[in-house]
Protein backbone atom coordinates (compact mmCIF):
# COMPACT_ATOMS: atom_id res chain seq x y z
CA MET A 1 124.03 95.47 127.15
CA ALA A 2 124.78 96.36 130.66
CA SER A 3 128.22 97.82 131.42
CA ASN A 4 130.46 95.54 133.79
CA THR A 5 133.11 98.19 133.65
CA PHE A 6 134.69 99.33 136.96
CA SER A 7 135.78 103.10 137.17
CA GLN A 8 139.56 104.16 137.19
CA GLY A 9 140.73 104.08 141.00
CA THR A 10 137.97 101.64 142.06
CA GLN A 11 139.32 99.37 144.97
CA VAL A 12 138.77 95.82 143.85
CA GLU A 13 139.39 92.25 145.34
CA HIS A 14 140.31 89.31 143.13
CA LEU A 15 140.09 85.77 144.35
CA LYS A 16 143.51 85.04 143.46
CA PHE A 17 145.47 88.10 143.33
CA GLY A 18 143.99 89.82 146.46
CA LEU A 19 143.49 93.58 146.64
CA GLY A 20 144.30 96.03 143.96
CA SER A 21 143.13 99.40 142.18
CA VAL A 22 141.64 99.64 138.70
CA ILE A 23 144.10 101.64 136.41
CA SER A 24 141.77 101.41 133.34
CA SER A 25 138.79 99.37 132.18
CA SER A 26 136.62 99.16 128.98
CA GLU A 27 134.06 96.71 127.87
CA GLU A 28 137.11 94.47 126.39
CA ARG A 29 139.80 94.87 128.69
CA ILE A 30 140.55 95.86 132.61
CA VAL A 31 143.73 96.64 133.90
CA ILE A 32 144.57 96.36 137.61
CA LYS A 33 147.49 97.00 139.90
CA PHE A 34 147.58 94.65 142.74
CA ASP A 35 149.28 95.27 145.91
CA ASP A 36 151.31 92.19 146.06
CA HIS A 37 151.19 91.07 142.47
CA GLY A 38 151.71 94.19 140.30
CA GLU A 39 149.84 95.00 137.17
CA LYS A 40 147.58 92.53 135.47
CA LYS A 41 145.62 92.83 132.37
CA PHE A 42 142.44 90.84 131.96
CA VAL A 43 139.45 90.33 129.36
CA THR A 44 136.65 92.03 131.21
CA ASN A 45 134.00 89.22 130.60
CA MET A 46 136.35 86.62 131.83
CA VAL A 47 137.45 88.13 135.18
CA ILE A 48 134.27 90.19 136.07
CA GLY A 49 133.14 86.86 138.21
CA SER A 50 136.28 86.99 140.09
CA LEU A 51 136.18 90.71 141.22
CA LYS A 52 134.30 92.49 143.89
CA LYS A 53 134.57 95.94 145.05
CA SER A 54 136.37 96.75 148.28
CA ASP A 55 135.76 99.55 150.44
CA ARG A 56 139.15 99.73 151.60
CA GLN A 57 141.35 103.02 151.04
CA PRO A 58 144.06 103.02 148.24
CA PRO A 59 147.55 102.36 149.57
CA ALA A 60 150.02 105.01 149.61
CA GLU A 61 152.48 105.08 146.74
CA LYS A 62 155.88 103.66 147.85
CA LYS A 63 158.68 105.87 146.83
CA GLY A 64 162.04 104.12 145.89
CA ALA A 65 164.65 103.81 148.53
CA ARG A 66 167.70 106.18 148.30
CA ARG A 67 170.96 105.57 149.57
CA LYS A 68 172.84 108.27 151.40
CA LYS A 69 176.24 109.24 149.95
CA VAL A 70 179.12 108.19 152.09
CA ALA A 71 181.90 110.98 152.50
CA PRO A 72 185.45 109.20 151.74
CA ALA A 73 187.46 108.74 154.89
CA SER A 74 190.15 111.22 155.33
CA ALA A 75 193.68 109.84 156.35
């Protein structure tokens, strides 16, 4: 049986969810983190026709926004 798995870190494009990065994959399941739709899990054989490899660079991870502490106003 030919392996249809994508390696971890591979950049892919899905017809519905757009661009994403493969988090993990096996013969049975594939997990992809999409830029605009978050993490999705698929049955590999069912989604393989909707995926194509992308040659784009992986996006930089976004860091959470932090608020500056505001000093209390002295009277």
